[in-house]
């Protein structure tokens, strides 16, 4: 599953994976249970494979700096335009850099290949929110992704990772099923892992029920780079 797959999905507007609502775990752990509002402008949250996620807008409106990376130009432009955000764009190395203008908290999105990122691109990142990146990748790309995430991060960077677990024989991804065993195998060498919560959400996800799933467990982990 290469970049062209996702570019085609965006170009054809086949984006059923895009969520219109802000992720409730993000709101809980970075809002209700998060840092005090006056401390948030010192934190910068990286959202990998970000699409046009509403989560980035919520983070910005909640006082955090936001940094995303996304391969699709359409997705990036749609994010700013659909949320009525003024923006400017410029060339940065092999990326196009999009930045919100006139916002209290900065939103920056690099449009290009996630795997070409360098650690310097994440120099001031303190936190990472991965709701839709790991689960978007088939098995053969996950190790490459996890190793790249480890390479990009300095010790102490925190990640909130959200996964989905289901019987893969009942439905083809994406999103793909990622088990707790998978998470431990991918991340335990380079990260401490804390399982925060889990819930079977199949009754709330009629679309997945219609695709044949009998159970869909959403699990949230806190990862800290060693």
Protein backbone atom coordinates (compact mmCIF):
# COMPACT_ATOMS: atom_id res chain seq x y z
CA UNK A 1 0.00 0.00 0.00
CA UNK A 2 1.90 3.00 -1.32
CA UNK A 3 1.28 6.74 -1.41
CA UNK A 4 -0.52 6.41 -4.75
CA UNK A 5 -3.25 4.36 -3.05
CA UNK A 6 -4.05 7.19 -0.64
CA UNK A 7 -3.72 9.90 -3.26
CA UNK A 8 -6.28 8.07 -5.38
CA UNK A 9 -8.64 7.73 -2.42
CA UNK A 10 -8.47 11.48 -1.79
CA UNK A 11 -8.79 12.35 -5.48
CA UNK A 12 -11.91 10.18 -5.78
CA UNK A 13 -13.23 11.45 -2.44
CA UNK A 14 -13.32 7.88 -1.14
CA UNK A 15 -12.59 8.98 2.40
CA UNK A 16 -14.92 7.00 4.61
CA UNK A 17 -12.05 6.87 7.09
CA UNK A 18 -12.33 10.62 7.70
CA UNK A 19 -14.08 11.34 11.01
CA UNK A 20 -16.37 14.34 11.28
CA UNK A 21 -16.21 14.31 15.09
CA UNK A 22 -13.19 15.03 17.26
CA UNK A 23 -11.77 11.89 18.83
CA UNK A 24 -13.18 11.56 22.38
CA UNK A 25 -9.94 10.10 23.78
CA UNK A 26 -8.04 13.14 22.55
CA UNK A 27 -10.58 15.43 24.22
CA UNK A 28 -10.31 13.46 27.47
CA UNK A 29 -6.54 13.05 27.73
CA UNK A 30 -5.58 16.44 26.26
CA UNK A 31 -8.61 18.36 27.48
CA UNK A 32 -10.36 17.11 30.62
CA UNK A 33 -7.27 15.34 31.99
CA UNK A 34 -4.72 17.36 30.03
CA UNK A 35 -2.34 20.15 31.00
CA UNK A 36 -3.66 23.47 32.28
CA UNK A 37 -4.66 25.79 29.46
CA UNK A 38 -1.88 28.27 30.27
CA UNK A 39 0.74 25.51 29.82
CA UNK A 40 -0.44 24.23 26.45
CA UNK A 41 1.30 26.75 24.21
CA UNK A 42 4.59 25.12 25.27
CA UNK A 43 3.44 21.80 23.80
CA UNK A 44 3.49 20.83 20.14
CA UNK A 45 1.48 17.83 18.98
CA UNK A 46 2.47 15.86 15.89
CA UNK A 47 -0.34 14.16 13.94
CA UNK A 48 1.14 11.70 11.40
CA UNK A 49 -0.77 10.87 8.18
CA UNK A 50 -3.17 13.57 9.31
CA UNK A 51 -5.52 13.94 6.33
CA UNK A 52 -7.92 16.76 7.14
CA UNK A 53 -8.54 15.58 10.69
CA UNK A 54 -10.78 17.70 12.91
CA UNK A 55 -8.50 16.63 15.75
CA UNK A 56 -5.91 19.16 14.58
CA UNK A 57 -8.43 21.99 14.72
CA UNK A 58 -9.50 20.97 18.23
CA UNK A 59 -5.88 20.84 19.41
CA UNK A 60 -5.24 24.30 18.03
CA UNK A 61 -8.41 25.77 19.51
CA UNK A 62 -7.46 24.17 22.84
CA UNK A 63 -4.15 26.01 22.94
CA UNK A 64 -1.67 23.50 21.51
CA UNK A 65 0.73 23.99 18.63
CA UNK A 66 -0.01 21.47 15.88
CA UNK A 67 2.22 19.80 13.30
CA UNK A 68 0.95 17.31 10.73
CA UNK A 69 2.24 15.42 7.74
CA UNK A 70 0.04 14.30 4.87
CA UNK A 71 0.76 13.05 1.35
CA UNK A 72 -2.37 14.48 -0.31
CA UNK A 73 -2.39 18.13 -1.37
CA UNK A 74 -6.17 17.98 -1.63
CA UNK A 75 -6.50 16.80 1.98
CA UNK A 76 -4.27 19.60 3.27
CA UNK A 77 -6.06 22.34 1.34
CA UNK A 78 -9.45 20.93 2.34
CA UNK A 79 -8.43 21.09 6.01
CA UNK A 80 -7.70 24.80 5.90
CA UNK A 81 -10.52 25.77 3.55
CA UNK A 82 -13.29 23.70 5.17
CA UNK A 83 -12.36 25.14 8.56
CA UNK A 84 -12.20 28.71 7.18
CA UNK A 85 -8.55 29.09 8.15
CA UNK A 86 -6.35 31.52 6.29
CA UNK A 87 -3.09 29.88 5.30
CA UNK A 88 0.10 30.33 3.38
CA UNK A 89 2.29 27.73 1.77
CA UNK A 90 5.95 27.61 0.84
CA UNK A 91 8.58 25.10 -0.20
CA UNK A 92 10.52 23.33 2.57
CA UNK A 93 13.09 20.85 1.30
CA UNK A 94 11.07 18.27 -0.64
CA UNK A 95 7.81 19.23 1.07
CA UNK A 96 5.17 21.90 0.67
CA UNK A 97 4.72 23.61 4.05
CA UNK A 98 1.27 24.94 4.88
CA UNK A 99 0.82 27.27 7.86
CA UNK A 100 -2.27 28.86 9.34
CA UNK A 101 -2.20 32.66 9.41
CA UNK A 102 -3.49 34.76 12.26
CA UNK A 103 -4.36 31.90 14.59
CA UNK A 104 -3.66 31.94 18.32
CA UNK A 105 -1.96 28.55 18.08
CA UNK A 106 0.13 27.60 15.10
CA UNK A 107 -0.95 24.84 12.73
CA UNK A 108 1.69 23.56 10.32
CA UNK A 109 1.25 20.71 7.84
CA UNK A 110 3.98 19.28 5.65
CA UNK A 111 2.58 17.84 2.43
CA UNK A 112 4.70 14.93 1.27
CA UNK A 113 6.07 11.52 2.22
CA UNK A 114 5.98 10.65 5.93
CA UNK A 115 8.92 8.28 5.50
CA UNK A 116 11.14 11.12 4.26
CA UNK A 117 10.82 13.06 7.54
CA UNK A 118 13.96 13.76 9.56
CA UNK A 119 14.29 14.09 13.34
CA UNK A 120 14.99 17.81 12.85
CA UNK A 121 11.45 18.17 11.48
CA UNK A 122 10.19 17.12 14.93
CA UNK A 123 12.74 19.12 16.93
CA UNK A 124 10.18 20.94 19.06
CA UNK A 125 7.48 18.25 19.12
CA UNK A 126 6.53 17.14 22.64
CA UNK A 127 3.53 14.89 21.95
CA UNK A 128 2.16 12.66 19.21
CA UNK A 129 -1.44 11.70 18.49
CA UNK A 130 -1.84 8.57 16.35
CA UNK A 131 -5.50 7.73 15.85
CA UNK A 132 -5.49 6.79 12.20
CA UNK A 133 -1.90 6.10 11.13
CA UNK A 134 -0.88 2.70 12.46
CA UNK A 135 -4.31 1.21 11.77
CA UNK A 136 -4.16 2.52 8.19
CA UNK A 137 -1.12 0.38 7.41
CA UNK A 138 -1.07 -3.30 6.41
CA UNK A 139 1.14 -5.73 8.31
CA UNK A 140 4.05 -5.44 5.87
CA UNK A 141 4.41 -1.68 6.50
CA UNK A 142 3.91 -1.54 10.26
CA UNK A 143 7.45 -2.38 11.32
CA UNK A 144 8.82 0.22 8.90
CA UNK A 145 6.39 2.78 10.34
CA UNK A 146 7.16 1.97 13.99
CA UNK A 147 10.91 2.11 13.33
CA UNK A 148 10.52 5.47 11.59
CA UNK A 149 8.51 6.82 14.52
CA UNK A 150 11.26 5.71 16.90
CA UNK A 151 13.92 7.30 14.68
CA UNK A 152 12.07 10.63 14.61
CA UNK A 153 11.53 10.98 18.35
CA UNK A 154 13.76 12.24 21.10
CA UNK A 155 13.64 10.54 24.52
CA UNK A 156 10.63 11.60 26.58
CA UNK A 157 8.24 12.37 23.72
CA UNK A 158 4.76 11.09 24.59
CA UNK A 159 2.33 9.44 22.19
CA UNK A 160 -1.38 8.73 22.49
CA UNK A 161 -1.97 5.70 20.25
CA UNK A 162 -5.47 4.50 19.36
CA UNK A 163 -5.89 1.06 17.78
CA UNK A 164 -8.74 -1.09 16.51
CA UNK A 165 -8.88 -4.85 17.02
CA UNK A 166 -11.27 -7.16 15.20
CA UNK A 167 -11.41 -10.51 13.41
CA UNK A 168 -9.55 -9.70 10.19
CA UNK A 169 -11.34 -12.58 8.42
CA UNK A 170 -14.62 -10.69 8.81
CA UNK A 171 -13.47 -7.53 7.01
CA UNK A 172 -10.64 -6.29 4.84
CA UNK A 173 -8.87 -3.10 5.94
CA UNK A 174 -8.11 -0.31 6.06
CA UNK A 175 -8.51 0.29 8.92
CA UNK A 176 -6.62 -2.86 9.83
CA UNK A 177 -6.80 -4.85 13.04
CA UNK A 178 -3.92 -4.17 15.44
CA UNK A 179 -3.76 -6.33 18.56
CA UNK A 180 -2.11 -5.63 21.90
CA UNK A 181 0.49 -8.25 20.95
CA UNK A 182 1.18 -6.30 17.75
CA UNK A 183 1.67 -3.06 19.70
CA UNK A 184 4.10 -4.69 22.11
CA UNK A 185 6.05 -6.31 19.30
CA UNK A 186 6.32 -3.05 17.35
CA UNK A 187 7.09 -0.61 20.16
CA UNK A 188 8.47 -2.33 23.28
CA UNK A 189 12.13 -2.08 22.23
CA UNK A 190 12.06 1.72 21.97
CA UNK A 191 9.08 2.85 24.05
CA UNK A 192 7.46 2.29 27.41
CA UNK A 193 3.88 1.18 26.83
CA UNK A 194 0.90 1.81 29.11
CA UNK A 195 -2.54 0.51 28.19
CA UNK A 196 -4.95 3.26 29.24
CA UNK A 197 -8.39 1.90 28.29
CA UNK A 198 -10.32 -0.25 25.85
CA UNK A 199 -13.93 -0.61 24.73
CA UNK A 200 -15.96 -2.66 22.25
CA UNK A 201 -17.53 0.04 20.07
CA UNK A 202 -19.26 -2.12 17.46
CA UNK A 203 -22.77 -1.04 18.54
CA UNK A 204 -21.79 2.58 17.88
CA UNK A 205 -20.19 1.82 14.51
CA UNK A 206 -23.01 0.69 12.25
CA UNK A 207 -20.84 1.09 9.16
CA UNK A 208 -18.44 -1.55 10.42
CA UNK A 209 -21.35 -3.76 11.45
CA UNK A 210 -22.64 -3.51 7.89
CA UNK A 211 -19.22 -4.61 6.64
CA UNK A 212 -19.57 -7.81 8.65
CA UNK A 213 -17.84 -7.16 11.96
CA UNK A 214 -19.19 -8.82 15.11
CA UNK A 215 -16.79 -6.97 17.46
CA UNK A 216 -14.59 -3.88 17.21
CA UNK A 217 -12.40 -3.09 20.19
CA UNK A 218 -10.85 0.36 20.42
CA UNK A 219 -7.77 0.51 22.65
CA UNK A 220 -5.78 3.53 23.82
CA UNK A 221 -2.10 3.38 24.76
CA UNK A 222 0.39 5.87 26.11
CA UNK A 223 3.85 5.45 24.58
CA UNK A 224 6.96 7.24 25.84
CA UNK A 225 10.18 7.20 23.84
CA UNK A 226 12.96 5.66 25.93
